[in-house]
PDB file of N, CA and C in Angstrom:
ATOM      1  N   UNK A   1      70.250 100.002 117.490  1.00  0.00           N
ATOM      2  CA  UNK A   1      71.093  98.395 118.168  1.00  0.00           C
ATOM      3  C   UNK A   1      72.928  98.793 118.291  1.00  0.00           C
ATOM      4  N   UNK A   2      73.044  98.831 119.116  1.00  0.00           N
ATOM      5  CA  UNK A   2      74.165  98.727 119.635  1.00  0.00           C
ATOM      6  C   UNK A   2      75.292  97.766 119.280  1.00  0.00           C
ATOM      7  N   UNK A   3      76.495  97.812 118.388  1.00  0.00           N
ATOM      8  CA  UNK A   3      77.628  96.722 117.815  1.00  0.00           C
ATOM      9  C   UNK A   3      78.396  95.289 119.813  1.00  0.00           C
ATOM     10  N   UNK A   4      77.673  94.780 119.906  1.00  0.00           N
ATOM     11  CA  UNK A   4      78.748  93.941 121.089  1.00  0.00           C
ATOM     12  C   UNK A   4      80.418  94.696 120.892  1.00  0.00           C
ATOM     13  N   UNK A   5      80.468  93.851 119.469  1.00  0.00           N
ATOM     14  CA  UNK A   5      81.590  94.413 119.681  1.00  0.00           C
ATOM     15  C   UNK A   5      82.349  96.032 119.967  1.00  0.00           C
ATOM     16  N   UNK A   6      82.407  96.919 119.376  1.00  0.00           N
ATOM     17  CA  UNK A   6      82.072  98.744 119.368  1.00  0.00           C
ATOM     18  C   UNK A   6      82.316  98.681 121.272  1.00  0.00           C
ATOM     19  N   UNK A   7      80.633  98.644 121.583  1.00  0.00           N
ATOM     20  CA  UNK A   7      80.517  99.063 122.996  1.00  0.00           C
ATOM     21  C   UNK A   7      81.540  97.806 124.295  1.00  0.00           C
ATOM     22  N   UNK A   8      82.231  96.662 123.530  1.00  0.00           N
ATOM     23  CA  UNK A   8      83.230  95.978 124.502  1.00  0.00           C
ATOM     24  C   UNK A   8      84.925  96.940 124.389  1.00  0.00           C
ATOM     25  N   UNK A   9      84.869  97.166 123.162  1.00  0.00           N
ATOM     26  CA  UNK A   9      86.106  98.184 123.207  1.00  0.00           C
ATOM     27  C   UNK A   9      86.868  99.628 123.748  1.00  0.00           C
ATOM     28  N   UNK A  10      84.481  99.279 123.435  1.00  0.00           N
ATOM     29  CA  UNK A  10      84.896 100.932 123.882  1.00  0.00           C
ATOM     30  C   UNK A  10      84.992 101.161 126.124  1.00  0.00           C
ATOM     31  N   UNK A  11      84.850 100.101 126.087  1.00  0.00           N
ATOM     32  CA  UNK A  11      85.380  99.815 127.729  1.00  0.00           C
ATOM     33  C   UNK A  11      85.917  99.958 127.675  1.00  0.00           C
ATOM     34  N   UNK A  12      87.104  98.687 127.142  1.00  0.00           N
ATOM     35  CA  UNK A  12      88.625  98.669 127.069  1.00  0.00           C
ATOM     36  C   UNK A  12      89.213  99.613 127.021  1.00  0.00           C
ATOM     37  N   UNK A  13      89.327 100.550 126.194  1.00  0.00           N
ATOM     38  CA  UNK A  13      89.703 102.403 125.552  1.00  0.00           C
ATOM     39  C   UNK A  13      89.140 102.528 127.471  1.00  0.00           C
ATOM     40  N   UNK A  14      87.971 103.323 128.067  1.00  0.00           N
ATOM     41  CA  UNK A  14      87.807 104.173 128.942  1.00  0.00           C
ATOM     42  C   UNK A  14      88.864 102.778 130.236  1.00  0.00           C
ATOM     43  N   UNK A  15      88.493 102.027 130.079  1.00  0.00           N
ATOM     44  CA  UNK A  15      89.120 101.139 131.798  1.00  0.00           C
ATOM     45  C   UNK A  15      90.721 101.121 131.419  1.00  0.00           C
ATOM     46  N   UNK A  16      91.552 100.740 130.243  1.00  0.00           N
ATOM     47  CA  UNK A  16      93.070 100.227 130.129  1.00  0.00           C
ATOM     48  C   UNK A  16      93.521 101.581 129.883  1.00  0.00           C
ATOM     49  N   UNK A  17      93.020 103.213 129.263  1.00  0.00           N
ATOM     50  CA  UNK A  17      93.355 104.217 129.957  1.00  0.00           C
ATOM     51  C   UNK A  17      92.841 104.904 130.754  1.00  0.00           C
ATOM     52  N   UNK A  18      92.690 104.119 131.747  1.00  0.00           N
ATOM     53  CA  UNK A  18      91.950 104.407 132.401  1.00  0.00           C
ATOM     54  C   UNK A  18      91.699 106.216 132.674  1.00  0.00           C
ATOM     55  N   UNK A  19      90.351 106.909 131.462  1.00  0.00           N
ATOM     56  CA  UNK A  19      89.871 107.890 130.948  1.00  0.00           C
ATOM     57  C   UNK A  19      88.429 108.303 132.887  1.00  0.00           C
ATOM     58  N   UNK A  20      88.964 108.928 133.603  1.00  0.00           N
ATOM     59  CA  UNK A  20      88.518 108.939 134.707  1.00  0.00           C
ATOM     60  C   UNK A  20      87.194 110.064 133.871  1.00  0.00           C
ATOM     61  N   UNK A  21      86.971 111.557 133.405  1.00  0.00           N
ATOM     62  CA  UNK A  21      85.796 112.002 132.786  1.00  0.00           C
ATOM     63  C   UNK A  21      85.042 110.903 131.707  1.00  0.00           C
ATOM     64  N   UNK A  22      85.286 110.090 130.852  1.00  0.00           N
ATOM     65  CA  UNK A  22      84.892 109.570 129.568  1.00  0.00           C
ATOM     66  C   UNK A  22      84.615 108.442 129.907  1.00  0.00           C
ATOM     67  N   UNK A  23      82.867 108.488 130.054  1.00  0.00           N
ATOM     68  CA  UNK A  23      82.355 107.076 129.908  1.00  0.00           C
ATOM     69  C   UNK A  23      82.193 106.242 128.618  1.00  0.00           C
ATOM     70  N   UNK A  24      81.963 105.021 128.821  1.00  0.00           N
ATOM     71  CA  UNK A  24      82.206 104.196 127.551  1.00  0.00           C
ATOM     72  C   UNK A  24      80.858 104.786 125.903  1.00  0.00           C
ATOM     73  N   UNK A  25      79.737 105.058 126.752  1.00  0.00           N
ATOM     74  CA  UNK A  25      78.670 105.542 125.874  1.00  0.00           C
ATOM     75  C   UNK A  25      78.965 107.127 125.565  1.00  0.00           C
ATOM     76  N   UNK A  26      79.996 107.326 125.907  1.00  0.00           N
ATOM     77  CA  UNK A  26      79.963 109.154 125.675  1.00  0.00           C
ATOM     78  C   UNK A  26      81.333 109.119 124.406  1.00  0.00           C
ATOM     79  N   UNK A  27      81.556 108.125 123.705  1.00  0.00           N
ATOM     80  CA  UNK A  27      82.585 107.491 122.199  1.00  0.00           C
ATOM     81  C   UNK A  27      81.638 107.215 120.936  1.00  0.00           C
ATOM     82  N   UNK A  28      82.040 107.534 120.685  1.00  0.00           N
ATOM     83  CA  UNK A  28      81.106 108.018 119.298  1.00  0.00           C
ATOM     84  C   UNK A  28      81.849 106.862 118.514  1.00  0.00           C
ATOM     85  N   UNK A  29      80.999 105.910 117.833  1.00  0.00           N
ATOM     86  CA  UNK A  29      81.295 105.614 116.981  1.00  0.00           C
ATOM     87  C   UNK A  29      82.444 105.470 115.734  1.00  0.00           C
ATOM     88  N   UNK A  30      82.062 106.275 115.094  1.00  0.00           N
ATOM     89  CA  UNK A  30      83.241 107.034 114.189  1.00  0.00           C
ATOM     90  C   UNK A  30      84.326 108.329 114.293  1.00  0.00           C
ATOM     91  N   UNK A  31      84.428 108.722 115.602  1.00  0.00           N
ATOM     92  CA  UNK A  31      85.140 110.219 116.027  1.00  0.00           C
ATOM     93  C   UNK A  31      86.729 109.066 115.828  1.00  0.00           C
ATOM     94  N   UNK A  32      87.064 110.519 115.503  1.00  0.00           N
ATOM     95  CA  UNK A  32      88.807 109.698 115.943  1.00  0.00           C
ATOM     96  C   UNK A  32      89.419 109.566 117.412  1.00  0.00           C
ATOM     97  N   UNK A  33      90.120 108.640 117.376  1.00  0.00           N
ATOM     98  CA  UNK A  33      91.109 108.093 118.573  1.00  0.00           C
ATOM     99  C   UNK A  33      91.919 109.090 118.948  1.00  0.00           C
ATOM    100  N   UNK A  34      93.064 108.799 117.722  1.00  0.00           N
ATOM    101  CA  UNK A  34      94.295 109.468 118.473  1.00  0.00           C
ATOM    102  C   UNK A  34      93.768 111.286 117.661  1.00  0.00           C
ATOM    103  N   UNK A  35      94.947 112.050 119.147  1.00  0.00           N
ATOM    104  CA  UNK A  35      94.605 113.057 118.229  1.00  0.00           C
ATOM    105  C   UNK A  35      93.374 114.051 118.236  1.00  0.00           C
ATOM    106  N   UNK A  36      92.846 114.567 117.526  1.00  0.00           N
ATOM    107  CA  UNK A  36      90.824 115.108 117.950  1.00  0.00           C
ATOM    108  C   UNK A  36      90.274 114.254 118.582  1.00  0.00           C
ATOM    109  N   UNK A  37      89.053 114.928 118.588  1.00  0.00           N
ATOM    110  CA  UNK A  37      88.774 113.096 119.351  1.00  0.00           C
ATOM    111  C   UNK A  37      88.682 112.624 121.203  1.00  0.00           C
ATOM    112  N   UNK A  38      88.932 112.092 121.042  1.00  0.00           N
ATOM    113  CA  UNK A  38      89.333 111.715 123.079  1.00  0.00           C
ATOM    114  C   UNK A  38      90.951 111.849 122.624  1.00  0.00           C
ATOM    115  N   UNK A  39      91.248 112.866 121.596  1.00  0.00           N
ATOM    116  CA  UNK A  39      93.061 113.670 121.756  1.00  0.00           C
ATOM    117  C   UNK A  39      93.908 112.149 122.880  1.00  0.00           C
ATOM    118  N   UNK A  40      94.093 111.516 122.257  1.00  0.00           N
ATOM    119  CA  UNK A  40      94.524 109.727 122.692  1.00  0.00           C
ATOM    120  C   UNK A  40      96.253 110.386 122.054  1.00  0.00           C
ATOM    121  N   UNK A  41      97.013 109.388 122.552  1.00  0.00           N
ATOM    122  CA  UNK A  41      98.962 110.070 121.889  1.00  0.00           C
ATOM    123  C   UNK A  41      99.180 108.418 121.633  1.00  0.00           C
ATOM    124  N   UNK A  42     100.462 108.581 121.611  1.00  0.00           N
ATOM    125  CA  UNK A  42     101.048 107.369 120.839  1.00  0.00           C
ATOM    126  C   UNK A  42     101.723 106.470 121.862  1.00  0.00           C
ATOM    127  N   UNK A  43     101.654 107.323 123.407  1.00  0.00           N
ATOM    128  CA  UNK A  43     101.422 106.192 124.260  1.00  0.00           C
ATOM    129  C   UNK A  43     100.403 105.507 124.558  1.00  0.00           C
ATOM    130  N   UNK A  44      99.339 106.797 124.539  1.00  0.00           N
ATOM    131  CA  UNK A  44      97.946 106.042 124.846  1.00  0.00           C
ATOM    132  C   UNK A  44      97.843 104.704 123.863  1.00  0.00           C
ATOM    133  N   UNK A  45      97.908 105.181 122.496  1.00  0.00           N
ATOM    134  CA  UNK A  45      97.783 104.373 121.214  1.00  0.00           C
ATOM    135  C   UNK A  45      99.200 102.725 121.138  1.00  0.00           C
ATOM    136  N   UNK A  46     100.090 102.381 121.798  1.00  0.00           N
ATOM    137  CA  UNK A  46     100.743 101.818 122.358  1.00  0.00           C
ATOM    138  C   UNK A  46      99.832 100.970 123.285  1.00  0.00           C
ATOM    139  N   UNK A  47      99.674 101.267 124.448  1.00  0.00           N
ATOM    140  CA  UNK A  47      98.832 100.810 125.144  1.00  0.00           C
ATOM    141  C   UNK A  47      97.938 100.246 124.382  1.00  0.00           C
ATOM    142  N   UNK A  48      96.941 100.629 123.626  1.00  0.00           N
ATOM    143  CA  UNK A  48      95.971 100.028 123.698  1.00  0.00           C
ATOM    144  C   UNK A  48      96.051  98.722 122.763  1.00  0.00           C
ATOM    145  N   UNK A  49      96.759  99.007 121.961  1.00  0.00           N
ATOM    146  CA  UNK A  49      97.548  98.182 120.666  1.00  0.00           C
ATOM    147  C   UNK A  49      97.648  96.573 122.108  1.00  0.00           C
ATOM    148  N   UNK A  50      98.936  96.712 122.784  1.00  0.00           N
ATOM    149  CA  UNK A  50      99.024  95.624 123.628  1.00  0.00           C
ATOM    150  C   UNK A  50      98.344  95.372 124.277  1.00  0.00           C
ATOM    151  N   UNK A  51      96.184  95.844 124.016  1.00  0.00           N
ATOM    152  CA  UNK A  51      95.614  95.151 125.348  1.00  0.00           C
ATOM    153  C   UNK A  51      94.722  94.566 124.689  1.00  0.00           C
ATOM    154  N   UNK A  52      94.053  95.386 123.192  1.00  0.00           N
ATOM    155  CA  UNK A  52      93.886  94.622 121.913  1.00  0.00           C
ATOM    156  C   UNK A  52      94.785  93.761 121.414  1.00  0.00           C
ATOM    157  N   UNK A  53      95.962  93.365 121.340  1.00  0.00           N
ATOM    158  CA  UNK A  53      96.253  92.092 120.764  1.00  0.00           C
ATOM    159  C   UNK A  53      96.604  91.137 122.072  1.00  0.00           C
ATOM    160  N   UNK A  54      95.887  90.941 123.054  1.00  0.00           N
ATOM    161  CA  UNK A  54      95.847  90.363 123.868  1.00  0.00           C
ATOM    162  C   UNK A  54      94.504  89.547 124.013  1.00  0.00           C
ATOM    163  N   UNK A  55      93.726  90.600 124.222  1.00  0.00           N
ATOM    164  CA  UNK A  55      92.171  90.745 124.480  1.00  0.00           C
ATOM    165  C   UNK A  55      91.932  89.041 123.386  1.00  0.00           C
ATOM    166  N   UNK A  56      92.437  89.680 122.141  1.00  0.00           N
ATOM    167  CA  UNK A  56      91.866  88.967 120.750  1.00  0.00           C
ATOM    168  C   UNK A  56      92.390  88.390 119.980  1.00  0.00           C
ATOM    169  N   UNK A  57      94.142  88.225 120.586  1.00  0.00           N
ATOM    170  CA  UNK A  57      94.613  87.216 119.794  1.00  0.00           C
ATOM    171  C   UNK A  57      95.060  87.667 118.554  1.00  0.00           C
ATOM    172  N   UNK A  58      95.230  89.190 118.087  1.00  0.00           N
ATOM    173  CA  UNK A  58      95.467  89.451 117.351  1.00  0.00           C
ATOM    174  C   UNK A  58      96.689  90.039 117.033  1.00  0.00           C
ATOM    175  N   UNK A  59      97.655  90.879 115.953  1.00  0.00           N
ATOM    176  CA  UNK A  59      98.855  91.540 115.849  1.00  0.00           C
ATOM    177  C   UNK A  59      98.822  92.212 114.914  1.00  0.00           C
ATOM    178  N   UNK A  60      98.949  93.565 115.029  1.00  0.00           N
ATOM    179  CA  UNK A  60      99.275  94.947 114.616  1.00  0.00           C
ATOM    180  C   UNK A  60     100.445  94.810 114.185  1.00  0.00           C
ATOM    181  N   UNK A  61     100.906  94.877 113.369  1.00  0.00           N
ATOM    182  CA  UNK A  61     102.102  94.419 112.442  1.00  0.00           C
ATOM    183  C   UNK A  61     103.022  95.969 112.280  1.00  0.00           C
ATOM    184  N   UNK A  62     102.971  97.502 111.954  1.00  0.00           N
ATOM    185  CA  UNK A  62     103.000  98.108 112.296  1.00  0.00           C
ATOM    186  C   UNK A  62     101.767  99.341 112.351  1.00  0.00           C
ATOM    187  N   UNK A  63     103.471 100.682 112.472  1.00  0.00           N
ATOM    188  CA  UNK A  63     102.832 101.254 112.859  1.00  0.00           C
ATOM    189  C   UNK A  63     102.041 102.119 111.775  1.00  0.00           C
ATOM    190  N   UNK A  64     101.325 102.025 111.133  1.00  0.00           N
ATOM    191  CA  UNK A  64     100.740 102.537 109.901  1.00  0.00           C
ATOM    192  C   UNK A  64      99.524 101.554 110.202  1.00  0.00           C
ATOM    193  N   UNK A  65      99.474  99.967 110.171  1.00  0.00           N
ATOM    194  CA  UNK A  65      98.637  99.509 110.576  1.00  0.00           C
ATOM    195  C   UNK A  65      98.096  99.666 111.571  1.00  0.00           C
ATOM    196  N   UNK A  66      98.461  99.415 112.722  1.00  0.00           N
ATOM    197  CA  UNK A  66      97.978 100.010 114.479  1.00  0.00           C
ATOM    198  C   UNK A  66      96.900 102.214 113.821  1.00  0.00           C
ATOM    199  N   UNK A  67      97.930 102.563 112.969  1.00  0.00           N
ATOM    200  CA  UNK A  67      97.467 103.705 112.528  1.00  0.00           C
ATOM    201  C   UNK A  67      95.865 103.872 112.496  1.00  0.00           C
ATOM    202  N   UNK A  68      95.165 102.924 111.440  1.00  0.00           N
ATOM    203  CA  UNK A  68      94.490 102.617 110.453  1.00  0.00           C
ATOM    204  C   UNK A  68      93.259 102.125 111.105  1.00  0.00           C
ATOM    205  N   UNK A  69      93.694 100.984 111.901  1.00  0.00           N
ATOM    206  CA  UNK A  69      92.991 100.218 113.270  1.00  0.00           C
ATOM    207  C   UNK A  69      92.134 101.231 113.674  1.00  0.00           C
ATOM    208  N   UNK A  70      93.515 101.755 114.733  1.00  0.00           N
ATOM    209  CA  UNK A  70      93.280 103.049 115.690  1.00  0.00           C
ATOM    210  C   UNK A  70      91.935 104.316 114.860  1.00  0.00           C
ATOM    211  N   UNK A  71      91.571 104.220 114.190  1.00  0.00           N
ATOM    212  CA  UNK A  71      91.040 105.556 113.337  1.00  0.00           C
ATOM    213  C   UNK A  71      90.151 105.667 114.837  1.00  0.00           C
ATOM    214  N   UNK A  72      88.788 104.970 114.720  1.00  0.00           N
ATOM    215  CA  UNK A  72      88.112 105.389 115.085  1.00  0.00           C
ATOM    216  C   UNK A  72      87.773 103.726 115.885  1.00  0.00           C
ATOM    217  N   UNK A  73      86.155 103.628 117.140  1.00  0.00           N
ATOM    218  CA  UNK A  73      85.797 103.175 117.590  1.00  0.00           C
ATOM    219  C   UNK A  73      85.659 101.476 116.112  1.00  0.00           C
ATOM    220  N   UNK A  74      84.763 102.800 115.224  1.00  0.00           N
ATOM    221  CA  UNK A  74      84.379 101.727 113.623  1.00  0.00           C
ATOM    222  C   UNK A  74      85.730 100.654 113.417  1.00  0.00           C
ATOM    223  N   UNK A  75      86.485 101.657 113.589  1.00  0.00           N
ATOM    224  CA  UNK A  75      87.203 101.092 112.280  1.00  0.00           C
ATOM    225  C   UNK A  75      87.977  99.892 113.505  1.00  0.00           C
ATOM    226  N   UNK A  76      88.385 100.357 113.692  1.00  0.00           N
ATOM    227  CA  UNK A  76      88.999  98.988 115.429  1.00  0.00           C
ATOM    228  C   UNK A  76      87.924  97.872 115.031  1.00  0.00           C
ATOM    229  N   UNK A  77      86.484  97.458 115.123  1.00  0.00           N
ATOM    230  CA  UNK A  77      86.545  97.491 115.285  1.00  0.00           C
ATOM    231  C   UNK A  77      85.916  95.993 114.044  1.00  0.00           C
ATOM    232  N   UNK A  78      86.439  96.676 112.746  1.00  0.00           N
ATOM    233  CA  UNK A  78      86.325  96.401 111.157  1.00  0.00           C
ATOM    234  C   UNK A  78      87.662  95.322 111.374  1.00  0.00           C
ATOM    235  N   UNK A  79      88.807  96.010 111.750  1.00  0.00           N
ATOM    236  CA  UNK A  79      89.983  94.946 111.638  1.00  0.00           C
ATOM    237  C   UNK A  79      89.984  94.221 112.293  1.00  0.00           C
ATOM    238  N   UNK A  80      89.328  94.237 113.899  1.00  0.00           N
ATOM    239  CA  UNK A  80      89.968  93.237 114.462  1.00  0.00           C
ATOM    240  C   UNK A  80      88.629  91.348 114.292  1.00  0.00           C
ATOM    241  N   UNK A  81      87.331  92.400 113.531  1.00  0.00           N
ATOM    242  CA  UNK A  81      86.585  90.908 112.741  1.00  0.00           C
ATOM    243  C   UNK A  81      87.876  90.471 111.529  1.00  0.00           C
ATOM    244  N   UNK A  82      87.558  91.290 111.231  1.00  0.00           N
ATOM    245  CA  UNK A  82      88.870  90.814 110.110  1.00  0.00           C
ATOM    246  C   UNK A  82      90.009  89.639 110.225  1.00  0.00           C
ATOM    247  N   UNK A  83      90.336  90.213 111.630  1.00  0.00           N
ATOM    248  CA  UNK A  83      91.800  89.568 112.130  1.00  0.00           C
ATOM    249  C   UNK A  83      92.129  88.640 113.445  1.00  0.00           C
ATOM    250  N   UNK A  84      90.485  88.709 114.093  1.00  0.00           N
ATOM    251  CA  UNK A  84      90.707  88.018 115.295  1.00  0.00           C
ATOM    252  C   UNK A  84      90.152  86.703 115.340  1.00  0.00           C
ATOM    253  N   UNK A  85      90.305  85.284 115.721  1.00  0.00           N
ATOM    254  CA  UNK A  85      89.171  84.498 116.376  1.00  0.00           C
ATOM    255  C   UNK A  85      88.324  84.368 116.222  1.00  0.00           C
ATOM    256  N   UNK A  86      87.053  84.172 115.474  1.00  0.00           N
ATOM    257  CA  UNK A  86      85.832  84.788 115.821  1.00  0.00           C
ATOM    258  C   UNK A  86      85.363  84.045 117.097  1.00  0.00           C
ATOM    259  N   UNK A  87      85.873  83.206 117.757  1.00  0.00           N
ATOM    260  CA  UNK A  87      85.463  82.739 118.953  1.00  0.00           C
ATOM    261  C   UNK A  87      85.670  83.540 120.284  1.00  0.00           C
ATOM    262  N   UNK A  88      86.832  84.829 119.889  1.00  0.00           N
ATOM    263  CA  UNK A  88      87.132  85.784 120.941  1.00  0.00           C
ATOM    264  C   UNK A  88      86.173  86.667 120.799  1.00  0.00           C
ATOM    265  N   UNK A  89      85.303  87.245 119.927  1.00  0.00           N
ATOM    266  CA  UNK A  89      84.886  88.213 120.284  1.00  0.00           C
ATOM    267  C   UNK A  89      83.721  87.907 121.093  1.00  0.00           C
ATOM    268  N   UNK A  90      83.186  89.483 121.660  1.00  0.00           N
ATOM    269  CA  UNK A  90      81.957  89.311 122.339  1.00  0.00           C
ATOM    270  C   UNK A  90      80.329  89.414 121.229  1.00  0.00           C
ATOM    271  N   UNK A  91      79.491  88.372 122.177  1.00  0.00           N
ATOM    272  CA  UNK A  91      78.601  88.524 121.111  1.00  0.00           C
ATOM    273  C   UNK A  91      77.959  89.059 121.284  1.00  0.00           C
TER     274      UNK A  91
END
């Protein structure tokens, strides 16, 4: 059974970065997002941080925190669950 938050995050990644050749279901939960994996760069990371902060009302306070949160969809989902108001999470 898939995780609604992980599925939502994958859709946001594809939409925010306008990844034309990637479908949300192509993104593996534990695959690296930055560097290898999706091969996102630092500008992509900044765009995603801003999107997730707005979407979930969280604050990523440093580049190190962003690097850890954006390691994979799984780590991002865990970070958001820990820091977001539960009412902002998908059911």
